[in-house]
C-alpha atoms as a PDB file:
ATOM      1  CA  MET A   1      58.666-319.064 122.436  1.00  0.00           C
ATOM      2  CA  SER A   2      57.561-315.645 122.495  1.00  0.00           C
ATOM      3  CA  VAL A   3      57.620-313.201 119.269  1.00  0.00           C
ATOM      4  CA  ARG A   4      60.329-311.067 121.355  1.00  0.00           C
ATOM      5  CA  ALA A   5      62.514-313.879 122.214  1.00  0.00           C
ATOM      6  CA  GLU A   6      62.108-315.539 118.314  1.00  0.00           C
ATOM      7  CA  TRP A   7      63.062-312.087 116.700  1.00  0.00           C
ATOM      8  CA  LEU A   8      66.189-311.523 118.982  1.00  0.00           C
ATOM      9  CA  LEU A   9      67.197-314.913 118.178  1.00  0.00           C
ATOM     10  CA  THR A  10      66.790-314.214 114.661  1.00  0.00           C
ATOM     11  CA  MET A  11      68.749-310.860 114.698  1.00  0.00           C
ATOM     12  CA  ASP A  12      71.455-312.882 116.596  1.00  0.00           C
ATOM     13  CA  LYS A  13      72.041-315.306 113.896  1.00  0.00           C
ATOM     14  CA  ARG A  14      74.679-314.699 111.206  1.00  0.00           C
ATOM     15  CA  TYR A  15      74.107-315.237 107.500  1.00  0.00           C
ATOM     16  CA  PHE A  16      75.884-315.903 104.444  1.00  0.00           C
ATOM     17  CA  TYR A  17      74.929-315.134 100.907  1.00  0.00           C
ATOM     18  CA  LEU A  18      75.736-316.122  97.319  1.00  0.00           C
ATOM     19  CA  ASP A  19      76.672-313.779  94.415  1.00  0.00           C
ATOM     20  CA  ASN A  20      75.528-314.015  91.118  1.00  0.00           C
ATOM     21  CA  THR A  21      78.516-316.620  90.010  1.00  0.00           C
ATOM     22  CA  HIS A  22      77.329-319.187  93.196  1.00  0.00           C
ATOM     23  CA  SER A  23      80.805-319.696  93.603  1.00  0.00           C
ATOM     24  CA  LYS A  24      81.678-318.985  97.108  1.00  0.00           C
ATOM     25  CA  PRO A  25      79.548-318.011 100.261  1.00  0.00           C
ATOM     26  CA  LYS A  26      80.196-314.426 101.389  1.00  0.00           C
ATOM     27  CA  GLY A  27      79.495-313.474 104.732  1.00  0.00           C
ATOM     28  CA  PRO A  28      78.982-313.819 107.442  1.00  0.00           C
ATOM     29  CA  HIS A  29      76.505-310.632 107.862  1.00  0.00           C
ATOM     30  CA  SER A  30      73.447-309.842 110.386  1.00  0.00           C
ATOM     31  CA  LEU A  31      69.853-309.779 109.004  1.00  0.00           C
ATOM     32  CA  GLN A  32      70.067-306.036 109.342  1.00  0.00           C
ATOM     33  CA  GLU A  33      73.298-305.564 107.582  1.00  0.00           C
ATOM     34  CA  LEU A  34      71.779-307.971 104.700  1.00  0.00           C
ATOM     35  CA  SER A  35      68.424-305.910 104.616  1.00  0.00           C
ATOM     36  CA  GLY A  36      70.380-302.902 104.323  1.00  0.00           C
ATOM     37  CA  MET A  37      72.629-304.054 101.297  1.00  0.00           C
ATOM     38  CA  LEU A  38      69.476-304.915  99.923  1.00  0.00           C
ATOM     39  CA  LEU A  39      67.837-301.286 100.041  1.00  0.00           C
ATOM     40  CA  ARG A  40      70.898-300.056  98.700  1.00  0.00           C
ATOM     41  CA  GLY A  41      71.032-302.644  95.850  1.00  0.00           C
ATOM     42  CA  GLU A  42      73.738-304.539  96.374  1.00  0.00           C
ATOM     43  CA  LEU A  43      71.775-307.425  96.534  1.00  0.00           C
ATOM     44  CA  GLN A  44      68.206-308.567  95.174  1.00  0.00           C
ATOM     45  CA  PRO A  45      65.543-310.060  96.974  1.00  0.00           C
ATOM     46  CA  THR A  46      66.054-313.657  95.041  1.00  0.00           C
ATOM     47  CA  THR A  47      69.678-313.251  96.350  1.00  0.00           C
ATOM     48  CA  GLU A  48      69.751-316.840  98.365  1.00  0.00           C
ATOM     49  CA  VAL A  49      71.158-316.765 102.104  1.00  0.00           C
ATOM     50  CA  ALA A  50      71.350-319.265 104.900  1.00  0.00           C
ATOM     51  CA  ALA A  51      72.380-319.039 108.377  1.00  0.00           C
ATOM     52  CA  GLY A  52      75.448-321.213 109.633  1.00  0.00           C
ATOM     53  CA  GLY A  53      74.046-324.651 110.186  1.00  0.00           C
ATOM     54  CA  ASP A  54      70.908-324.316 107.885  1.00  0.00           C
ATOM     55  CA  GLU A  55      69.942-327.278 105.456  1.00  0.00           C
ATOM     56  CA  ARG A  56      68.923-325.136 102.677  1.00  0.00           C
ATOM     57  CA  TRP A  57      69.179-321.765 101.028  1.00  0.00           C
ATOM     58  CA  GLN A  58      66.363-319.555 100.809  1.00  0.00           C
ATOM     59  CA  PRO A  59      65.910-315.942  99.001  1.00  0.00           C
ATOM     60  CA  LEU A  60      66.971-313.118 101.021  1.00  0.00           C
ATOM     61  CA  GLY A  61      63.275-311.552 100.124  1.00  0.00           C
ATOM     62  CA  THR A  62      61.246-314.820 101.573  1.00  0.00           C
ATOM     63  CA  LEU A  63      63.536-314.949 105.064  1.00  0.00           C
ATOM     64  CA  LEU A  64      62.914-311.079 105.513  1.00  0.00           C
ATOM     65  CA  MET A  65      59.263-311.612 105.360  1.00  0.00           C
ATOM     66  CA  GLN A  66      59.187-314.496 107.919  1.00  0.00           C
ATOM     67  CA  VAL A  67      60.910-312.482 110.292  1.00  0.00           C
ATOM     68  CA  PRO A  68      58.507-312.445 113.596  1.00  0.00           C
ATOM     69  CA  VAL A  69      58.398-308.709 114.688  1.00  0.00           C
ATOM     70  CA  PRO A  70      57.354-307.638 118.043  1.00  0.00           C
ATOM     71  CA  ALA A  71      54.423-304.956 118.072  1.00  0.00           C
ATOM     72  CA  GLU A  72      56.952-302.747 119.875  1.00  0.00           C
ATOM     73  CA  LEU A  73      59.301-302.970 117.596  1.00  0.00           C
ATOM     74  CA  PRO A  74      59.842-301.067 113.918  1.00  0.00           C
ATOM     75  CA  GLN A  75      60.127-303.282 111.055  1.00  0.00           C
ATOM     76  CA  VAL A  76      62.971-304.754 109.838  1.00  0.00           C
ATOM     77  CA  PRO A  77      63.857-302.584 106.593  1.00  0.00           C
ATOM     78  CA  GLY A  78      63.486-304.987 103.728  1.00  0.00           C
ATOM     79  CA  LEU A  79      60.323-306.275 102.061  1.00  0.00           C
ATOM     80  CA  ALA A  80      57.693-304.784 104.025  1.00  0.00           C
ATOM     81  CA  GLU A  81      54.064-305.139 103.258  1.00  0.00           C
ATOM     82  CA  THR A  82      54.335-303.625  99.708  1.00  0.00           C
ATOM     83  CA  GLY A  83      57.578-304.920  98.707  1.00  0.00           C
ATOM     84  CA  ASN A  84      60.948-303.941  97.148  1.00  0.00           C
ATOM     85  CA  CYS A  85      61.255-302.558  93.555  1.00  0.00           C
ATOM     86  CA  PRO A  86      62.990-305.825  91.815  1.00  0.00           C
ATOM     87  CA  LYS A  87      65.483-303.916  90.157  1.00  0.00           C
ATOM     88  CA  CYS A  88      66.809-301.113  92.603  1.00  0.00           C
ATOM     89  CA  GLY A  89      65.902-302.370  95.581  1.00  0.00           C
ATOM     90  CA  ARG A  90      63.948-299.481  96.993  1.00  0.00           C
ATOM     91  CA  GLN A  91      61.316-299.931  99.598  1.00  0.00           C
ATOM     92  CA  LEU A  92      57.815-299.351  97.802  1.00  0.00           C
ATOM     93  CA  SER A  93      54.839-297.493  99.275  1.00  0.00           C
ATOM     94  CA  CYS A  94      51.203-297.571  97.943  1.00  0.00           C
ATOM     95  CA  GLU A  95      49.303-294.691  96.363  1.00  0.00           C
ATOM     96  CA  GLU A  96      45.561-294.748  97.032  1.00  0.00           C
ATOM     97  CA  GLY A  97      45.892-298.623  97.722  1.00  0.00           C
ATOM     98  CA  ALA A  98      47.935-299.136  94.571  1.00  0.00           C
ATOM     99  CA  LEU A  99      51.643-299.412  93.431  1.00  0.00           C
ATOM    100  CA  PRO A 100      53.302-296.777  91.596  1.00  0.00           C
ATOM    101  CA  VAL A 101      53.226-297.240  87.861  1.00  0.00           C
ATOM    102  CA  ASN A 102      56.943-296.995  88.109  1.00  0.00           C
ATOM    103  CA  CYS A 103      59.861-297.419  90.388  1.00  0.00           C
ATOM    104  CA  PRO A 104      60.205-293.750  91.742  1.00  0.00           C
ATOM    105  CA  SER A 105      64.100-294.306  92.073  1.00  0.00           C
ATOM    106  CA  CYS A 106      64.968-296.312  88.915  1.00  0.00           C
ATOM    107  CA  GLY A 107      62.171-295.886  86.640  1.00  0.00           C
ATOM    108  CA  TYR A 108      61.094-299.677  86.722  1.00  0.00           C
ATOM    109  CA  ARG A 109      57.920-300.657  85.021  1.00  0.00           C
ATOM    110  CA  LEU A 110      56.040-301.832  88.168  1.00  0.00           C
ATOM    111  CA  ARG A 111      52.484-302.333  86.902  1.00  0.00           C
ATOM    112  CA  ALA A 112      50.308-301.276  83.855  1.00  0.00           C
ATOM    113  CA  ALA A 113      49.153-297.321  83.957  1.00  0.00           C
ATOM    114  CA  GLN A 114      45.390-298.585  83.916  1.00  0.00           C
ATOM    115  CA  ASP A 115      43.910-301.891  84.618  1.00  0.00           C
ATOM    116  CA  THR A 116      42.932-302.526  81.024  1.00  0.00           C
ATOM    117  CA  MET A 117      43.451-304.987  78.279  1.00  0.00           C
ATOM    118  CA  TRP A 118      45.667-302.816  76.076  1.00  0.00           C
ATOM    119  CA  GLN A 119      47.594-301.374  78.865  1.00  0.00           C
ATOM    120  CA  HIS A 120      48.591-304.903  79.927  1.00  0.00           C
ATOM    121  CA  ILE A 121      49.434-305.656  76.417  1.00  0.00           C
ATOM    122  CA  ARG A 122      51.551-302.626  76.164  1.00  0.00           C
ATOM    123  CA  MET A 123      53.293-303.246  79.192  1.00  0.00           C
ATOM    124  CA  ALA A 124      54.118-306.989  78.235  1.00  0.00           C
ATOM    125  CA  LEU A 125      55.577-306.083  74.526  1.00  0.00           C
ATOM    126  CA  SER A 126      57.765-303.060  76.197  1.00  0.00           C
ATOM    127  CA  ARG A 127      59.681-305.613  78.427  1.00  0.00           C
ATOM    128  CA  PRO A 128      61.106-308.480  75.600  1.00  0.00           C
ATOM    129  CA  PHE A 129      64.385-308.544  77.687  1.00  0.00           C
ATOM    130  CA  THR A 130      63.117-308.086  81.433  1.00  0.00           C
ATOM    131  CA  TRP A 131      63.221-311.272  83.233  1.00  0.00           C
ATOM    132  CA  ARG A 132      62.802-309.607  86.894  1.00  0.00           C
ATOM    133  CA  GLY A 133      59.719-308.848  88.817  1.00  0.00           C
ATOM    134  CA  ARG A 134      56.402-310.261  88.145  1.00  0.00           C
ATOM    135  CA  SER A 135      53.706-310.572  85.727  1.00  0.00           C
ATOM    136  CA  THR A 136      49.779-310.821  86.065  1.00  0.00           C
ATOM    137  CA  ARG A 137      47.402-313.219  84.893  1.00  0.00           C
ATOM    138  CA  LYS A 138      45.926-310.661  82.994  1.00  0.00           C
ATOM    139  CA  GLU A 139      49.029-309.384  81.344  1.00  0.00           C
ATOM    140  CA  PHE A 140      49.766-312.674  80.156  1.00  0.00           C
ATOM    141  CA  TRP A 141      46.579-314.109  78.874  1.00  0.00           C
ATOM    142  CA  SER A 142      45.660-310.266  76.685  1.00  0.00           C
ATOM    143  CA  THR A 143      49.503-310.829  75.410  1.00  0.00           C
ATOM    144  CA  LEU A 144      48.422-314.225  74.302  1.00  0.00           C
ATOM    145  CA  LEU A 145      45.480-313.307  72.814  1.00  0.00           C
ATOM    146  CA  LEU A 146      46.993-310.535  70.749  1.00  0.00           C
ATOM    147  CA  TYR A 147      49.356-313.142  69.511  1.00  0.00           C
ATOM    148  CA  LEU A 148      46.610-315.270  67.996  1.00  0.00           C
ATOM    149  CA  LEU A 149      44.956-312.461  66.905  1.00  0.00           C
ATOM    150  CA  LEU A 150      48.145-311.336  64.778  1.00  0.00           C
ATOM    151  CA  SER A 151      49.584-314.784  63.664  1.00  0.00           C
ATOM    152  CA  ILE A 152      46.754-316.611  62.570  1.00  0.00           C
ATOM    153  CA  PRO A 153      45.733-313.994  59.861  1.00  0.00           C
ATOM    154  CA  ALA A 154      49.317-313.248  58.991  1.00  0.00           C
ATOM    155  CA  SER A 155      50.092-316.886  58.598  1.00  0.00           C
ATOM    156  CA  ILE A 156      47.078-317.176  56.457  1.00  0.00           C
ATOM    157  CA  VAL A 157      47.874-314.527  54.100  1.00  0.00           C
ATOM    158  CA  ALA A 158      51.571-315.457  53.806  1.00  0.00           C
ATOM    159  CA  LEU A 159      50.677-319.108  52.859  1.00  0.00           C
ATOM    160  CA  VAL A 160      47.728-317.752  49.901  1.00  0.00           C
ATOM    161  CA  LEU A 161      50.504-314.995  48.887  1.00  0.00           C
ATOM    162  CA  PHE A 162      53.279-317.526  48.654  1.00  0.00           C
ATOM    163  CA  SER A 163      50.983-320.150  46.953  1.00  0.00           C
ATOM    164  CA  ILE A 164      50.142-317.180  44.366  1.00  0.00           C
ATOM    165  CA  CYS A 165      53.713-316.276  43.590  1.00  0.00           C
ATOM    166  CA  THR A 166      54.726-319.808  43.219  1.00  0.00           C
ATOM    167  CA  ALA A 167      51.649-320.332  40.439  1.00  0.00           C
ATOM    168  CA  ILE A 168      53.088-316.877  38.445  1.00  0.00           C
ATOM    169  CA  THR A 169      56.204-318.131  38.824  1.00  0.00           C
ATOM    170  CA  LEU A 170      55.630-321.903  37.465  1.00  0.00           C
ATOM    171  CA  GLN A 171      53.679-319.998  34.574  1.00  0.00           C
ATOM    172  CA  GLU A 172      56.404-317.557  33.775  1.00  0.00           C
ATOM    173  CA  HIS A 173      58.947-320.886  33.445  1.00  0.00           C
ATOM    174  CA  ASN A 174      56.765-322.904  31.659  1.00  0.00           C
ATOM    175  CA  ASP A 175      56.237-325.501  34.721  1.00  0.00           C
ATOM    176  CA  LYS A 176      60.121-326.160  34.615  1.00  0.00           C
ATOM    177  CA  LEU A 177      61.341-324.791  37.664  1.00  0.00           C
ATOM    178  CA  ASP A 178      64.901-325.564  39.699  1.00  0.00           C
ATOM    179  CA  VAL A 179      65.348-324.473  43.056  1.00  0.00           C
ATOM    180  CA  THR A 180      67.638-321.860  42.449  1.00  0.00           C
ATOM    181  CA  THR A 181      65.656-320.291  39.785  1.00  0.00           C
ATOM    182  CA  TRP A 182      62.542-320.370  42.417  1.00  0.00           C
ATOM    183  CA  LEU A 183      64.549-318.643  45.341  1.00  0.00           C
ATOM    184  CA  GLY A 184      65.924-315.601  42.971  1.00  0.00           C
ATOM    185  CA  ALA A 185      62.735-315.271  40.928  1.00  0.00           C
ATOM    186  CA  GLU A 186      61.617-311.940  41.044  1.00  0.00           C
ATOM    187  CA  SER A 187      57.686-312.776  41.055  1.00  0.00           C
ATOM    188  CA  MET A 188      58.591-314.586  44.534  1.00  0.00           C
ATOM    189  CA  LEU A 189      59.431-311.115  46.280  1.00  0.00           C
ATOM    190  CA  PRO A 190      56.326-310.362  47.973  1.00  0.00           C
ATOM    191  CA  ALA A 191      56.143-314.163  49.108  1.00  0.00           C
ATOM    192  CA  TRP A 192      59.685-313.683  50.655  1.00  0.00           C
ATOM    193  CA  ILE A 193      58.793-310.229  52.387  1.00  0.00           C
ATOM    194  CA  ALA A 194      55.649-312.092  53.800  1.00  0.00           C
ATOM    195  CA  VAL A 195      57.540-314.757  55.097  1.00  0.00           C
ATOM    196  CA  ALA A 196      60.340-312.487  56.763  1.00  0.00           C
ATOM    197  CA  VAL A 197      57.433-310.444  58.564  1.00  0.00           C
ATOM    198  CA  LEU A 198      55.981-313.632  59.639  1.00  0.00           C
ATOM    199  CA  THR A 199      59.335-314.783  61.070  1.00  0.00           C
ATOM    200  CA  ALA A 200      60.046-311.374  62.699  1.00  0.00           C
ATOM    201  CA  LEU A 201      56.567-311.356  64.210  1.00  0.00           C
ATOM    202  CA  PHE A 202      57.339-314.945  65.611  1.00  0.00           C
ATOM    203  CA  LEU A 203      60.684-314.233  67.277  1.00  0.00           C
ATOM    204  CA  TYR A 204      59.998-311.160  68.940  1.00  0.00           C
ATOM    205  CA  PHE A 205      56.800-312.619  70.234  1.00  0.00           C
ATOM    206  CA  SER A 206      59.060-315.739  71.297  1.00  0.00           C
ATOM    207  CA  LEU A 207      61.412-313.062  73.607  1.00  0.00           C
ATOM    208  CA  VAL A 208      58.030-311.263  74.722  1.00  0.00           C
ATOM    209  CA  PHE A 209      56.664-315.031  76.173  1.00  0.00           C
ATOM    210  CA  LEU A 210      60.334-316.418  77.455  1.00  0.00           C
ATOM    211  CA  SER A 211      60.430-313.113  79.918  1.00  0.00           C
ATOM    212  CA  LEU A 212      56.545-313.263  80.468  1.00  0.00           C
ATOM    213  CA  THR A 213      56.267-316.646  81.120  1.00  0.00           C
ATOM    214  CA  ILE A 214      59.284-316.452  83.530  1.00  0.00           C
ATOM    215  CA  ARG A 215      57.395-313.077  85.426  1.00  0.00           C
ATOM    216  CA  ARG A 216      54.134-315.142  85.571  1.00  0.00           C
ATOM    217  CA  LEU A 217      55.977-317.712  87.164  1.00  0.00           C
ATOM    218  CA  HIS A 218      57.635-314.849  89.866  1.00  0.00           C
ATOM    219  CA  ASP A 219      53.849-313.946  90.466  1.00  0.00           C
ATOM    220  CA  ILE A 220      53.165-317.229  92.112  1.00  0.00           C
ATOM    221  CA  GLY A 221      56.294-317.632  93.946  1.00  0.00           C
ATOM    222  CA  ARG A 222      57.858-319.951  91.241  1.00  0.00           C
ATOM    223  CA  SER A 223      61.029-319.928  89.879  1.00  0.00           C
ATOM    224  CA  GLY A 224      62.268-319.198  86.178  1.00  0.00           C
ATOM    225  CA  ARG A 225      64.088-322.652  86.218  1.00  0.00           C
ATOM    226  CA  TRP A 226      60.901-324.348  85.136  1.00  0.00           C
ATOM    227  CA  VAL A 227      61.009-322.364  81.911  1.00  0.00           C
ATOM    228  CA  ALA A 228      64.728-323.564  81.443  1.00  0.00           C
ATOM    229  CA  LEU A 229      63.598-327.009  82.151  1.00  0.00           C
ATOM    230  CA  SER A 230      60.952-326.789  79.546  1.00  0.00           C
ATOM    231  CA  MET A 231      63.477-325.459  76.708  1.00  0.00           C
ATOM    232  CA  LEU A 232      66.089-328.155  78.019  1.00  0.00           C
ATOM    233  CA  VAL A 233      63.524-331.010  77.709  1.00  0.00           C
ATOM    234  CA  SER A 234      62.363-329.588  74.190  1.00  0.00           C
ATOM    235  CA  ALA A 235      65.955-329.454  72.909  1.00  0.00           C
ATOM    236  CA  ILE A 236      66.921-332.692  73.593  1.00  0.00           C
ATOM    237  CA  TRP A 237      63.613-334.277  72.147  1.00  0.00           C
ATOM    238  CA  GLN A 238      64.470-332.085  69.016  1.00  0.00           C
ATOM    239  CA  TYR A 239      68.011-333.487  69.175  1.00  0.00           C
ATOM    240  CA  PHE A 240      66.489-337.135  68.749  1.00  0.00           C
ATOM    241  CA  TYR A 241      63.819-336.009  65.980  1.00  0.00           C
ATOM    242  CA  TYR A 242      66.029-334.496  63.918  1.00  0.00           C
ATOM    243  CA  SER A 243      68.777-336.834  64.183  1.00  0.00           C
ATOM    244  CA  ARG A 244      66.364-339.605  63.104  1.00  0.00           C
ATOM    245  CA  VAL A 245      64.700-337.858  60.352  1.00  0.00           C
ATOM    246  CA  ALA A 246      67.852-337.056  58.907  1.00  0.00           C
ATOM    247  CA  GLU A 247      68.808-340.952  59.069  1.00  0.00           C
ATOM    248  CA  ILE A 248      65.643-341.922  57.272  1.00  0.00           C
ATOM    249  CA  VAL A 249      66.007-338.910  54.665  1.00  0.00           C
ATOM    250  CA  ALA A 250      69.585-340.148  53.849  1.00  0.00           C
ATOM    251  CA  ALA A 251      68.581-343.664  53.510  1.00  0.00           C
ATOM    252  CA  VAL A 252      66.261-342.826  50.603  1.00  0.00           C
ATOM    253  CA  ASN A 253      67.604-342.878  46.912  1.00  0.00           C
ATOM    254  CA  TRP A 254      65.824-339.830  45.864  1.00  0.00           C
ATOM    255  CA  LYS A 255      67.058-340.190  42.408  1.00  0.00           C
ATOM    256  CA  MET A 256      65.478-343.314  41.901  1.00  0.00           C
ATOM    257  CA  LEU A 257      62.333-342.713  43.821  1.00  0.00           C
ATOM    258  CA  LEU A 258      61.782-339.539  41.699  1.00  0.00           C
ATOM    259  CA  ALA A 259      62.523-341.740  38.156  1.00  0.00           C
ATOM    260  CA  ILE A 260      59.351-343.850  39.083  1.00  0.00           C
ATOM    261  CA  GLU A 261      56.884-343.275  35.956  1.00  0.00           C
ATOM    262  CA  ASP A 262      54.072-344.491  38.076  1.00  0.00           C
ATOM    263  CA  ASP A 263      52.443-341.578  39.836  1.00  0.00           C
ATOM    264  CA  ARG A 264      50.587-344.079  42.168  1.00  0.00           C
ATOM    265  CA  LEU A 265      53.671-345.915  43.183  1.00  0.00           C
ATOM    266  CA  ARG A 266      55.749-342.765  43.490  1.00  0.00           C
ATOM    267  CA  GLN A 267      53.377-341.118  46.015  1.00  0.00           C
ATOM    268  CA  ALA A 268      52.514-344.355  47.874  1.00  0.00           C
ATOM    269  CA  ARG A 269      56.621-344.914  48.450  1.00  0.00           C
ATOM    270  CA  ILE A 270      56.745-341.065  49.179  1.00  0.00           C
ATOM    271  CA  GLN A 271      53.867-341.443  51.957  1.00  0.00           C
ATOM    272  CA  GLU A 272      55.778-344.459  53.272  1.00  0.00           C
ATOM    273  CA  ILE A 273      58.563-342.237  54.088  1.00  0.00           C
ATOM    274  CA  ALA A 274      56.249-339.512  55.710  1.00  0.00           C
ATOM    275  CA  ASP A 275      54.803-342.116  58.117  1.00  0.00           C
ATOM    276  CA  GLN A 276      58.053-343.158  58.784  1.00  0.00           C
ATOM    277  CA  ILE A 277      58.496-339.574  60.033  1.00  0.00           C
ATOM    278  CA  ASN A 278      55.492-339.156  61.817  1.00  0.00           C
ATOM    279  CA  LEU A 279      56.539-341.990  64.126  1.00  0.00           C
ATOM    280  CA  VAL A 280      60.167-340.804  65.207  1.00  0.00           C
ATOM    281  CA  GLY A 281      58.588-338.450  67.538  1.00  0.00           C
ATOM    282  CA  THR A 282      56.873-341.005  69.648  1.00  0.00           C
ATOM    283  CA  GLU A 283      59.531-343.800  69.349  1.00  0.00           C
ATOM    284  CA  GLY A 284      62.406-344.744  72.132  1.00  0.00           C
ATOM    285  CA  TRP A 285      64.075-341.661  73.759  1.00  0.00           C
ATOM    286  CA  GLY A 286      62.788-339.148  71.729  1.00  0.00           C
ATOM    287  CA  GLY A 287      59.239-340.333  72.512  1.00  0.00           C
ATOM    288  CA  LEU A 288      60.353-340.134  76.345  1.00  0.00           C
ATOM    289  CA  PHE A 289      61.569-336.525  76.394  1.00  0.00           C
ATOM    290  CA  TYR A 290      58.622-335.664  73.827  1.00  0.00           C
ATOM    291  CA  LEU A 291      56.287-337.016  76.598  1.00  0.00           C
ATOM    292  CA  LEU A 292      58.410-335.337  79.292  1.00  0.00           C
ATOM    293  CA  SER A 293      58.019-331.914  77.355  1.00  0.00           C
ATOM    294  CA  MET A 294      54.400-332.149  77.211  1.00  0.00           C
ATOM    295  CA  VAL A 295      54.158-332.659  80.907  1.00  0.00           C
ATOM    296  CA  VAL A 296      56.486-329.936  81.924  1.00  0.00           C
ATOM    297  CA  GLY A 297      54.401-327.754  79.281  1.00  0.00           C
ATOM    298  CA  ILE A 298      50.871-328.847  80.958  1.00  0.00           C
ATOM    299  CA  VAL A 299      52.401-327.466  84.639  1.00  0.00           C
ATOM    300  CA  ILE A 300      53.801-324.632  83.392  1.00  0.00           C
ATOM    301  CA  PHE A 301      50.230-323.868  81.856  1.00  0.00           C
ATOM    302  CA  ILE A 302      48.493-324.713  85.291  1.00  0.00           C
ATOM    303  CA  PHE A 303      50.964-322.160  86.803  1.00  0.00           C
ATOM    304  CA  ALA A 304      49.930-319.517  84.406  1.00  0.00           C
ATOM    305  CA  LEU A 305      46.186-319.918  85.273  1.00  0.00           C
ATOM    306  CA  THR A 306      47.070-319.557  88.847  1.00  0.00           C
ATOM    307  CA  ASP A 307      46.369-316.267  90.484  1.00  0.00           C
ATOM    308  CA  SER A 308      48.695-313.784  92.187  1.00  0.00           C
ATOM    309  CA  ASN A 309      50.292-314.215  95.264  1.00  0.00           C
ATOM    310  CA  ARG A 310      49.032-311.604  97.830  1.00  0.00           C
ATOM    311  CA  GLY A 311      51.328-309.282  98.643  1.00  0.00           C
ATOM    312  CA  ALA A 312      55.393-309.198  97.963  1.00  0.00           C
ATOM    313  CA  ASN A 313      57.261-312.426  97.435  1.00  0.00           C
ATOM    314  CA  ALA A 314      60.618-312.914  96.824  1.00  0.00           C
ATOM    315  CA  TYR A 315      60.467-311.541  93.133  1.00  0.00           C
ATOM    316  CA  GLY A 316      59.259-308.136  93.989  1.00  0.00           C
ATOM    317  CA  PRO A 317      55.718-306.490  95.074  1.00  0.00           C
ATOM    318  CA  SER A 318      52.369-307.494  93.470  1.00  0.00           C
ATOM    319  CA  ALA A 319      50.656-305.701  91.096  1.00  0.00           C
ATOM    320  CA  LYS A 320      47.374-307.180  91.738  1.00  0.00           C
ATOM    321  CA  TYR A 321      47.288-307.332  95.469  1.00  0.00           C
ATOM    322  CA  PRO A 322      50.040-304.902  96.812  1.00  0.00           C
ATOM    323  CA  GLN A 323      49.139-304.681 100.236  1.00  0.00           C
ATOM    324  CA  GLY A 324      48.326-308.324 100.615  1.00  0.00           C
END
């Protein structure tokens, strides 16, 4: 079949699309109508479409990129070589071989202002809630390096400060300290501030890496559902783990254990309990989901090492290879 005949056949098809609720297909529409809706922002490049009789749904952006266009005809409006803004759908053009920093229409950040590690880090940190679009390997690994450089020293400082404050508090109370007094002691305030700062740092970077990993997967043409799968498997494993740990802890008569006068015997019993808890994560269903979470994590890690797709894909334009 000639390119022109294949193009005419594609243009003659009628397609249905799924909205955000995925409740009921809408249509039918011609490919020309769908591409116009994409440009007006009514649809997204990731909107799933299918023609009558098709066996599977596919992203609209992918479909538009696959349309064979005869040389004598204009390109179908939609995802051209450079691609469309993942937020507003505006067709983009390169400036001196590079994407614009921001979308001219909606201001969505498309790439780092300069190809430096710091600029890529700034871009990632400024988008903790942005799941659309794509992120390069440099943005991902530069941000991970920053997190390690911040979190490791911060954790050491917090641990040392916590130990010092606890020692001071014990000394103030003549080595007799209950939990309530320990939590409310004024000398523990610097330690609690350090713990709060460390927790805030962890939570913020967790949001950054959640969105960054999704965009990194988009950059190689993969769905962000891999991240959802990883979180689901990890949550199931933690359910089995902590349920079993709670059973072990509840079965221990702590009053009798702490009343044992022989230090060696008491420490040996505590070590037995700790050994039981250490085995929990690798036993039964918990162990299975732990192994599965490791496998999914390794797969995502390999994806993060993969180079960007050249040119636009279903998730937007490429910051690294904007012209393919």
